[in-house]
Amino acid sequence: MPMPAILLSEINIYPIKSLGGISLQETVAEVRGLQHDRRRMLIDSQNQCLTQRKHPQMALCKTALAHNGILVSFPGVPDLLVPWVPQTQQRLAVDIWGDTCEAVVVSAAANHWFSQVLALDCQLVFMPDDSHRAIDQRYDPASTTVSFADSYPFLLISEASLTDLNRRLDAPVPMNRFRPNLVVKHTEAFAEDYWKEIQIGATTFQSVKLCGRCVLITIDQQTAGKGQEPLKTLAGYRTVGSKVLFGQNMVCRQPGNVLRVGDEVTVCV
């Protein structure tokens, strides 16, 4: 029996870097990533990005889209509304894994809220359209602009790859451990490793680099608890050089189109 058509089964965005994600039925693919994805992040007093790697409690901040901004919740405190438009004009040079780009401080209220709930001194910043952060030209000579994502605009993982991993674990983990933007179904495990170019609906994506994983995937996104898995098991069969690989980083060559859950995925190359 022939394999059914490959389909887009999940669309996920992370409006504030390293906080909880949001699953959508449809959204727009932009050059920097999916619309609203990681255009905001928290920085410390040295203007460096904050992530769950050092601050796992960030996982407990959940996000939701509202008509007038992003609603952020944390157990035991009133929600915070982060407006779409920053309330200040204060510009900062911020650092994200050695990259420096310009960002705008969102508001004093957001800074206070996050500093209180996370028990650390921080500010919330927004990446405006005139801020340029290029991805590594060794993998994309076109110098595509990316948001505050770790390295690349899009991360794609197949359901079959997670199924393969979970078969090896004593306790299976959900897809949210890996924070993908795009999830596809009806493939072989790790088929995405070999894709060079795909089309989802009317949008063409090119692969740039397999995704090297870190300790963040050991953090339970519901409890912020931290363990050794699934990184320990994944390292046993997905290590190349010094990197543990899971997922395909991609760039979009036809921005502006709408992606929808259920769209057919065509492997071009």
C-alpha atoms as a PDB file:
ATOM      1  CA  MET A   1       0.000   0.000   0.000  1.00  0.00           C
ATOM      2  CA  PRO A   2       1.476   3.375  -0.968  1.00  0.00           C
ATOM      3  CA  MET A   3       2.343   5.879   1.775  1.00  0.00           C
ATOM      4  CA  PRO A   4      -0.325   8.579   2.185  1.00  0.00           C
ATOM      5  CA  ALA A   5       0.549  12.132   1.221  1.00  0.00           C
ATOM      6  CA  ILE A   6       2.828  13.985   3.614  1.00  0.00           C
ATOM      7  CA  LEU A   7       0.807  16.580   5.518  1.00  0.00           C
ATOM      8  CA  LEU A   8       1.511  19.515   7.798  1.00  0.00           C
ATOM      9  CA  SER A   9       0.124  18.364  11.153  1.00  0.00           C
ATOM     10  CA  GLU A  10       1.182  21.145  13.536  1.00  0.00           C
ATOM     11  CA  ILE A  11       2.040  24.850  13.363  1.00  0.00           C
ATOM     12  CA  ASN A  12       3.675  26.299  16.478  1.00  0.00           C
ATOM     13  CA  ILE A  13       4.915  29.747  17.376  1.00  0.00           C
ATOM     14  CA  TYR A  14       6.780  31.045  20.411  1.00  0.00           C
ATOM     15  CA  PRO A  15       5.913  34.758  20.581  1.00  0.00           C
ATOM     16  CA  ILE A  16       8.414  35.377  23.397  1.00  0.00           C
ATOM     17  CA  LYS A  17      11.620  33.413  23.112  1.00  0.00           C
ATOM     18  CA  SER A  18      11.906  30.484  25.550  1.00  0.00           C
ATOM     19  CA  LEU A  19       8.405  30.937  26.998  1.00  0.00           C
ATOM     20  CA  GLY A  20       5.468  28.639  26.290  1.00  0.00           C
ATOM     21  CA  GLY A  21       4.442  28.103  22.681  1.00  0.00           C
ATOM     22  CA  ILE A  22       1.114  28.376  20.891  1.00  0.00           C
ATOM     23  CA  SER A  23      -0.354  25.867  18.427  1.00  0.00           C
ATOM     24  CA  LEU A  24      -2.195  27.433  15.501  1.00  0.00           C
ATOM     25  CA  GLN A  25      -4.379  26.166  12.686  1.00  0.00           C
ATOM     26  CA  GLU A  26      -2.950  28.686  10.243  1.00  0.00           C
ATOM     27  CA  THR A  27      -0.500  31.568  10.028  1.00  0.00           C
ATOM     28  CA  VAL A  28       1.723  33.456   7.595  1.00  0.00           C
ATOM     29  CA  ALA A  29       5.266  32.409   6.720  1.00  0.00           C
ATOM     30  CA  GLU A  30       7.557  35.443   6.814  1.00  0.00           C
ATOM     31  CA  VAL A  31      11.266  35.789   6.045  1.00  0.00           C
ATOM     32  CA  ARG A  32      12.232  35.867   9.757  1.00  0.00           C
ATOM     33  CA  GLY A  33       9.953  32.951  10.632  1.00  0.00           C
ATOM     34  CA  LEU A  34       6.256  32.413  11.236  1.00  0.00           C
ATOM     35  CA  GLN A  35       4.291  35.576  11.995  1.00  0.00           C
ATOM     36  CA  HIS A  36       4.934  36.715  15.609  1.00  0.00           C
ATOM     37  CA  ASP A  37       7.433  33.898  16.217  1.00  0.00           C
ATOM     38  CA  ARG A  38      10.228  34.940  18.595  1.00  0.00           C
ATOM     39  CA  ARG A  39      10.008  38.647  17.785  1.00  0.00           C
ATOM     40  CA  ARG A  40      10.243  39.282  21.536  1.00  0.00           C
ATOM     41  CA  MET A  41      12.688  38.007  24.138  1.00  0.00           C
ATOM     42  CA  LEU A  42      13.861  38.617  27.669  1.00  0.00           C
ATOM     43  CA  ILE A  43      17.327  40.023  28.328  1.00  0.00           C
ATOM     44  CA  ASP A  44      19.410  40.329  31.481  1.00  0.00           C
ATOM     45  CA  SER A  45      21.218  43.385  32.858  1.00  0.00           C
ATOM     46  CA  GLN A  46      24.013  42.808  30.316  1.00  0.00           C
ATOM     47  CA  ASN A  47      21.495  42.831  27.428  1.00  0.00           C
ATOM     48  CA  GLN A  48      22.047  39.112  26.798  1.00  0.00           C
ATOM     49  CA  CYS A  49      19.198  36.768  25.962  1.00  0.00           C
ATOM     50  CA  LEU A  50      17.596  34.703  28.705  1.00  0.00           C
ATOM     51  CA  THR A  51      16.481  31.132  27.987  1.00  0.00           C
ATOM     52  CA  GLN A  52      15.318  28.004  29.762  1.00  0.00           C
ATOM     53  CA  ARG A  53      18.840  26.600  29.557  1.00  0.00           C
ATOM     54  CA  LYS A  54      19.759  28.568  32.690  1.00  0.00           C
ATOM     55  CA  HIS A  55      16.279  29.594  33.811  1.00  0.00           C
ATOM     56  CA  PRO A  56      13.917  26.612  33.432  1.00  0.00           C
ATOM     57  CA  GLN A  57      11.165  28.479  35.302  1.00  0.00           C
ATOM     58  CA  MET A  58      10.584  30.386  32.051  1.00  0.00           C
ATOM     59  CA  ALA A  59       8.693  27.305  30.832  1.00  0.00           C
ATOM     60  CA  LEU A  60       5.927  28.141  33.322  1.00  0.00           C
ATOM     61  CA  CYS A  61       5.158  31.403  31.498  1.00  0.00           C
ATOM     62  CA  LYS A  62       2.408  30.472  29.037  1.00  0.00           C
ATOM     63  CA  THR A  63       1.407  32.659  26.093  1.00  0.00           C
ATOM     64  CA  ALA A  64      -1.775  33.230  24.118  1.00  0.00           C
ATOM     65  CA  LEU A  65      -2.659  35.556  21.244  1.00  0.00           C
ATOM     66  CA  ALA A  66      -5.224  38.291  21.909  1.00  0.00           C
ATOM     67  CA  HIS A  67      -6.578  40.936  19.535  1.00  0.00           C
ATOM     68  CA  ASN A  68      -4.504  43.639  21.233  1.00  0.00           C
ATOM     69  CA  GLY A  69      -1.330  41.721  22.051  1.00  0.00           C
ATOM     70  CA  ILE A  70       0.135  38.650  23.706  1.00  0.00           C
ATOM     71  CA  LEU A  71      -1.355  37.434  26.973  1.00  0.00           C
ATOM     72  CA  VAL A  72       1.229  35.926  29.329  1.00  0.00           C
ATOM     73  CA  SER A  73       0.239  33.866  32.359  1.00  0.00           C
ATOM     74  CA  PHE A  74       2.188  32.505  35.321  1.00  0.00           C
ATOM     75  CA  PRO A  75       0.828  30.462  38.262  1.00  0.00           C
ATOM     76  CA  GLY A  76      -0.504  32.560  41.118  1.00  0.00           C
ATOM     77  CA  VAL A  77      -0.250  36.042  39.602  1.00  0.00           C
ATOM     78  CA  PRO A  78      -2.476  38.209  37.356  1.00  0.00           C
ATOM     79  CA  ASP A  79      -1.854  37.847  33.619  1.00  0.00           C
ATOM     80  CA  LEU A  80       0.258  40.322  31.677  1.00  0.00           C
ATOM     81  CA  LEU A  81      -0.844  41.804  28.353  1.00  0.00           C
ATOM     82  CA  VAL A  82       2.122  42.548  26.092  1.00  0.00           C
ATOM     83  CA  PRO A  83       0.883  45.055  23.474  1.00  0.00           C
ATOM     84  CA  TRP A  84       1.754  44.482  19.832  1.00  0.00           C
ATOM     85  CA  VAL A  85       3.435  47.893  19.648  1.00  0.00           C
ATOM     86  CA  PRO A  86       6.222  48.663  22.176  1.00  0.00           C
ATOM     87  CA  GLN A  87       5.305  51.395  24.667  1.00  0.00           C
ATOM     88  CA  THR A  88       8.806  52.898  24.665  1.00  0.00           C
ATOM     89  CA  GLN A  89      11.212  54.156  22.033  1.00  0.00           C
ATOM     90  CA  GLN A  90      14.255  52.950  23.942  1.00  0.00           C
ATOM     91  CA  ARG A  91      16.615  51.058  21.638  1.00  0.00           C
ATOM     92  CA  LEU A  92      19.261  48.652  22.844  1.00  0.00           C
ATOM     93  CA  ALA A  93      21.965  46.540  21.240  1.00  0.00           C
ATOM     94  CA  VAL A  94      21.135  43.037  22.451  1.00  0.00           C
ATOM     95  CA  ASP A  95      23.179  39.841  22.312  1.00  0.00           C
ATOM     96  CA  ILE A  96      21.824  36.463  21.286  1.00  0.00           C
ATOM     97  CA  TRP A  97      24.434  33.686  21.162  1.00  0.00           C
ATOM     98  CA  GLY A  98      27.120  36.064  19.950  1.00  0.00           C
ATOM     99  CA  ASP A  99      24.930  37.917  17.441  1.00  0.00           C
ATOM    100  CA  THR A 100      24.253  41.582  18.124  1.00  0.00           C
ATOM    101  CA  CYS A 101      21.177  43.371  16.813  1.00  0.00           C
ATOM    102  CA  GLU A 102      18.898  46.252  17.748  1.00  0.00           C
ATOM    103  CA  ALA A 103      15.782  45.813  19.851  1.00  0.00           C
ATOM    104  CA  VAL A 104      13.187  48.072  21.462  1.00  0.00           C
ATOM    105  CA  VAL A 105      12.215  47.845  25.143  1.00  0.00           C
ATOM    106  CA  VAL A 106       8.522  46.916  25.271  1.00  0.00           C
ATOM    107  CA  SER A 107       7.376  48.572  28.514  1.00  0.00           C
ATOM    108  CA  ALA A 108       8.280  49.244  32.132  1.00  0.00           C
ATOM    109  CA  ALA A 109       5.219  47.212  33.173  1.00  0.00           C
ATOM    110  CA  ALA A 110       6.446  44.133  31.292  1.00  0.00           C
ATOM    111  CA  ASN A 111       9.931  44.495  32.767  1.00  0.00           C
ATOM    112  CA  HIS A 112       8.495  44.641  36.284  1.00  0.00           C
ATOM    113  CA  TRP A 113       6.124  41.694  35.758  1.00  0.00           C
ATOM    114  CA  PHE A 114       8.768  39.351  34.362  1.00  0.00           C
ATOM    115  CA  SER A 115      11.369  40.391  36.944  1.00  0.00           C
ATOM    116  CA  GLN A 116       8.898  39.565  39.708  1.00  0.00           C
ATOM    117  CA  VAL A 117       7.564  36.221  38.446  1.00  0.00           C
ATOM    118  CA  LEU A 118      10.946  34.883  37.314  1.00  0.00           C
ATOM    119  CA  ALA A 119      12.846  36.303  40.311  1.00  0.00           C
ATOM    120  CA  LEU A 120      15.560  37.831  38.149  1.00  0.00           C
ATOM    121  CA  ASP A 121      16.316  41.287  36.802  1.00  0.00           C
ATOM    122  CA  CYS A 122      15.217  41.369  33.174  1.00  0.00           C
ATOM    123  CA  GLN A 123      13.679  43.410  30.369  1.00  0.00           C
ATOM    124  CA  LEU A 124      11.343  42.425  27.548  1.00  0.00           C
ATOM    125  CA  VAL A 125      12.456  43.611  24.101  1.00  0.00           C
ATOM    126  CA  PHE A 126      10.971  43.546  20.598  1.00  0.00           C
ATOM    127  CA  MET A 127      12.745  43.113  17.256  1.00  0.00           C
ATOM    128  CA  PRO A 128      11.504  45.861  14.894  1.00  0.00           C
ATOM    129  CA  ASP A 129      11.415  45.405  11.128  1.00  0.00           C
ATOM    130  CA  ASP A 130      14.507  47.571  10.634  1.00  0.00           C
ATOM    131  CA  SER A 131      16.629  45.352  12.883  1.00  0.00           C
ATOM    132  CA  HIS A 132      18.744  42.920  10.877  1.00  0.00           C
ATOM    133  CA  ARG A 133      20.138  39.661  12.208  1.00  0.00           C
ATOM    134  CA  ALA A 134      21.548  37.411   9.498  1.00  0.00           C
ATOM    135  CA  ILE A 135      21.800  33.643   9.763  1.00  0.00           C
ATOM    136  CA  ASP A 136      25.167  31.929   9.335  1.00  0.00           C
ATOM    137  CA  GLN A 137      26.291  32.547   5.745  1.00  0.00           C
ATOM    138  CA  ARG A 138      28.129  29.220   5.689  1.00  0.00           C
ATOM    139  CA  TYR A 139      24.732  27.567   5.494  1.00  0.00           C
ATOM    140  CA  ASP A 140      22.725  30.264   3.718  1.00  0.00           C
ATOM    141  CA  PRO A 141      24.778  32.596   1.491  1.00  0.00           C
ATOM    142  CA  ALA A 142      21.617  34.638   0.840  1.00  0.00           C
ATOM    143  CA  SER A 143      22.049  36.013   4.379  1.00  0.00           C
ATOM    144  CA  THR A 144      18.432  35.534   5.372  1.00  0.00           C
ATOM    145  CA  THR A 145      17.223  37.648   8.282  1.00  0.00           C
ATOM    146  CA  VAL A 146      16.087  35.723  11.347  1.00  0.00           C
ATOM    147  CA  SER A 147      14.158  36.659  14.483  1.00  0.00           C
ATOM    148  CA  PHE A 148      15.347  35.929  18.038  1.00  0.00           C
ATOM    149  CA  ALA A 149      15.221  32.188  17.269  1.00  0.00           C
ATOM    150  CA  ASP A 150      18.442  30.412  18.207  1.00  0.00           C
ATOM    151  CA  SER A 151      19.818  30.348  14.672  1.00  0.00           C
ATOM    152  CA  TYR A 152      17.306  29.864  11.860  1.00  0.00           C
ATOM    153  CA  PRO A 153      13.786  31.017  10.916  1.00  0.00           C
ATOM    154  CA  PHE A 154      12.020  27.621  10.850  1.00  0.00           C
ATOM    155  CA  LEU A 155      12.430  24.256  12.565  1.00  0.00           C
ATOM    156  CA  LEU A 156      10.662  21.231  11.103  1.00  0.00           C
ATOM    157  CA  ILE A 157      10.302  17.782  12.717  1.00  0.00           C
ATOM    158  CA  SER A 158       8.355  14.737  11.588  1.00  0.00           C
ATOM    159  CA  GLU A 159       5.990  12.851  13.884  1.00  0.00           C
ATOM    160  CA  ALA A 160       7.779   9.651  12.850  1.00  0.00           C
ATOM    161  CA  SER A 161      11.103  10.923  14.213  1.00  0.00           C
ATOM    162  CA  LEU A 162       9.551  11.548  17.620  1.00  0.00           C
ATOM    163  CA  THR A 163       7.860   8.134  17.521  1.00  0.00           C
ATOM    164  CA  ASP A 164      11.239   6.524  16.822  1.00  0.00           C
ATOM    165  CA  LEU A 165      12.774   8.320  19.809  1.00  0.00           C
ATOM    166  CA  ASN A 166       9.880   7.539  22.137  1.00  0.00           C
ATOM    167  CA  ARG A 167      10.172   3.820  21.392  1.00  0.00           C
ATOM    168  CA  ARG A 168      13.626   3.990  22.977  1.00  0.00           C
ATOM    169  CA  LEU A 169      12.568   5.889  26.107  1.00  0.00           C
ATOM    170  CA  ASP A 170      11.121   4.507  29.323  1.00  0.00           C
ATOM    171  CA  ALA A 171       8.777   7.499  29.463  1.00  0.00           C
ATOM    172  CA  PRO A 172       7.763   9.090  26.146  1.00  0.00           C
ATOM    173  CA  VAL A 173       8.077  12.848  25.692  1.00  0.00           C
ATOM    174  CA  PRO A 174       5.768  15.206  23.788  1.00  0.00           C
ATOM    175  CA  MET A 175       6.764  17.168  20.707  1.00  0.00           C
ATOM    176  CA  ASN A 176       6.844  20.420  22.709  1.00  0.00           C
ATOM    177  CA  ARG A 177      10.187  19.395  24.239  1.00  0.00           C
ATOM    178  CA  PHE A 178      11.751  20.192  20.850  1.00  0.00           C
ATOM    179  CA  ARG A 179       9.889  23.448  20.139  1.00  0.00           C
ATOM    180  CA  PRO A 180       9.371  22.982  16.388  1.00  0.00           C
ATOM    181  CA  ASN A 181       7.539  25.456  14.194  1.00  0.00           C
ATOM    182  CA  LEU A 182       6.360  22.887  11.665  1.00  0.00           C
ATOM    183  CA  VAL A 183       5.456  19.246  12.283  1.00  0.00           C
ATOM    184  CA  VAL A 184       4.704  16.834   9.454  1.00  0.00           C
ATOM    185  CA  LYS A 185       3.160  13.362   9.333  1.00  0.00           C
ATOM    186  CA  HIS A 186       3.161  10.346   6.990  1.00  0.00           C
ATOM    187  CA  THR A 187       6.946  10.075   6.603  1.00  0.00           C
ATOM    188  CA  GLU A 188       9.624   7.611   7.577  1.00  0.00           C
ATOM    189  CA  ALA A 189      11.560   8.454  10.747  1.00  0.00           C
ATOM    190  CA  PHE A 190      14.162  11.155  10.073  1.00  0.00           C
ATOM    191  CA  ALA A 191      13.117  11.544   6.445  1.00  0.00           C
ATOM    192  CA  GLU A 192      13.487  15.296   7.001  1.00  0.00           C
ATOM    193  CA  ASP A 193      17.252  14.833   7.419  1.00  0.00           C
ATOM    194  CA  TYR A 194      17.560  14.348   3.685  1.00  0.00           C
ATOM    195  CA  TRP A 195      15.176  16.955   2.342  1.00  0.00           C
ATOM    196  CA  LYS A 196      16.830  19.825   0.491  1.00  0.00           C
ATOM    197  CA  GLU A 197      13.716  21.659  -0.648  1.00  0.00           C
ATOM    198  CA  ILE A 198      10.043  21.189   0.108  1.00  0.00           C
ATOM    199  CA  GLN A 199       6.804  22.965  -0.694  1.00  0.00           C
ATOM    200  CA  ILE A 200       4.028  23.370   1.855  1.00  0.00           C
ATOM    201  CA  GLY A 201       0.932  24.669   0.155  1.00  0.00           C
ATOM    202  CA  ALA A 202       2.221  27.523  -1.995  1.00  0.00           C
ATOM    203  CA  THR A 203       5.372  28.136   0.045  1.00  0.00           C
ATOM    204  CA  THR A 204       8.841  26.819  -0.749  1.00  0.00           C
ATOM    205  CA  PHE A 205      11.292  26.046   2.058  1.00  0.00           C
ATOM    206  CA  GLN A 206      14.958  25.158   1.765  1.00  0.00           C
ATOM    207  CA  SER A 207      16.873  23.135   4.318  1.00  0.00           C
ATOM    208  CA  VAL A 208      20.005  24.734   5.721  1.00  0.00           C
ATOM    209  CA  LYS A 209      21.242  22.616   8.618  1.00  0.00           C
ATOM    210  CA  LEU A 210      20.167  19.837  10.947  1.00  0.00           C
ATOM    211  CA  CYS A 211      19.342  21.128  14.408  1.00  0.00           C
ATOM    212  CA  GLY A 212      21.862  20.506  17.186  1.00  0.00           C
ATOM    213  CA  ARG A 213      20.058  19.951  20.489  1.00  0.00           C
ATOM    214  CA  CYS A 214      20.943  21.128  23.986  1.00  0.00           C
ATOM    215  CA  VAL A 215      19.792  20.630  27.580  1.00  0.00           C
ATOM    216  CA  LEU A 216      16.589  22.579  26.924  1.00  0.00           C
ATOM    217  CA  ILE A 217      14.946  19.387  25.615  1.00  0.00           C
ATOM    218  CA  THR A 218      15.369  17.842  29.089  1.00  0.00           C
ATOM    219  CA  ILE A 219      12.989  20.425  30.632  1.00  0.00           C
ATOM    220  CA  ASP A 220       9.352  19.432  31.118  1.00  0.00           C
ATOM    221  CA  GLN A 221       7.383  22.280  29.544  1.00  0.00           C
ATOM    222  CA  GLN A 222       4.486  21.854  31.989  1.00  0.00           C
ATOM    223  CA  THR A 223       6.379  21.622  35.282  1.00  0.00           C
ATOM    224  CA  ALA A 224       9.826  23.119  34.477  1.00  0.00           C
ATOM    225  CA  GLY A 225      11.322  19.951  35.967  1.00  0.00           C
ATOM    226  CA  LYS A 226      14.675  18.902  34.537  1.00  0.00           C
ATOM    227  CA  GLY A 227      16.166  15.441  33.947  1.00  0.00           C
ATOM    228  CA  GLN A 228      18.559  13.649  31.603  1.00  0.00           C
ATOM    229  CA  GLU A 229      16.099  12.504  28.967  1.00  0.00           C
ATOM    230  CA  PRO A 230      15.510  12.568  26.094  1.00  0.00           C
ATOM    231  CA  LEU A 231      18.963  14.053  25.432  1.00  0.00           C
ATOM    232  CA  LYS A 232      20.788  11.048  26.898  1.00  0.00           C
ATOM    233  CA  THR A 233      19.016   8.531  24.686  1.00  0.00           C
ATOM    234  CA  LEU A 234      19.087  10.768  21.628  1.00  0.00           C
ATOM    235  CA  ALA A 235      22.844  11.198  22.013  1.00  0.00           C
ATOM    236  CA  GLY A 236      23.242   7.435  21.804  1.00  0.00           C
ATOM    237  CA  TYR A 237      22.114   7.234  18.192  1.00  0.00           C
ATOM    238  CA  ARG A 238      21.875  10.765  16.790  1.00  0.00           C
ATOM    239  CA  THR A 239      25.311  12.217  17.558  1.00  0.00           C
ATOM    240  CA  VAL A 240      27.397  13.492  14.654  1.00  0.00           C
ATOM    241  CA  GLY A 241      30.714  14.986  15.710  1.00  0.00           C
ATOM    242  CA  SER A 242      29.907  16.892  18.873  1.00  0.00           C
ATOM    243  CA  LYS A 243      26.251  17.587  18.000  1.00  0.00           C
ATOM    244  CA  VAL A 244      23.108  15.686  18.925  1.00  0.00           C
ATOM    245  CA  LEU A 245      20.809  16.169  15.926  1.00  0.00           C
ATOM    246  CA  PHE A 246      17.016  16.240  15.854  1.00  0.00           C
ATOM    247  CA  GLY A 247      14.989  18.305  13.384  1.00  0.00           C
ATOM    248  CA  GLN A 248      15.710  20.255  10.216  1.00  0.00           C
ATOM    249  CA  ASN A 249      16.377  24.003  10.162  1.00  0.00           C
ATOM    250  CA  MET A 250      14.828  25.742   7.163  1.00  0.00           C
ATOM    251  CA  VAL A 251      14.433  29.091   5.433  1.00  0.00           C
ATOM    252  CA  CYS A 252      11.468  30.391   3.450  1.00  0.00           C
ATOM    253  CA  ARG A 253      11.999  31.444  -0.158  1.00  0.00           C
ATOM    254  CA  GLN A 254       8.439  32.651  -0.821  1.00  0.00           C
ATOM    255  CA  PRO A 255       7.325  34.672   2.211  1.00  0.00           C
ATOM    256  CA  GLY A 256       3.844  36.061   2.592  1.00  0.00           C
ATOM    257  CA  ASN A 257       1.786  32.935   2.016  1.00  0.00           C
ATOM    258  CA  VAL A 258      -0.568  31.357   4.531  1.00  0.00           C
ATOM    259  CA  LEU A 259       0.288  27.928   5.954  1.00  0.00           C
ATOM    260  CA  ARG A 260      -2.553  25.748   7.231  1.00  0.00           C
ATOM    261  CA  VAL A 261      -2.637  22.531   9.223  1.00  0.00           C
ATOM    262  CA  GLY A 262      -3.522  19.839   6.681  1.00  0.00           C
ATOM    263  CA  ASP A 263      -1.545  21.415   3.828  1.00  0.00           C
ATOM    264  CA  GLU A 264       0.172  18.870   1.606  1.00  0.00           C
ATOM    265  CA  VAL A 265       3.957  18.752   1.804  1.00  0.00           C
ATOM    266  CA  THR A 266       5.815  18.073  -1.449  1.00  0.00           C
ATOM    267  CA  VAL A 267       9.440  17.004  -1.326  1.00  0.00           C
ATOM    268  CA  CYS A 268      11.052  18.764  -4.294  1.00  0.00           C
ATOM    269  CA  VAL A 269      14.689  17.731  -3.807  1.00  0.00           C
END
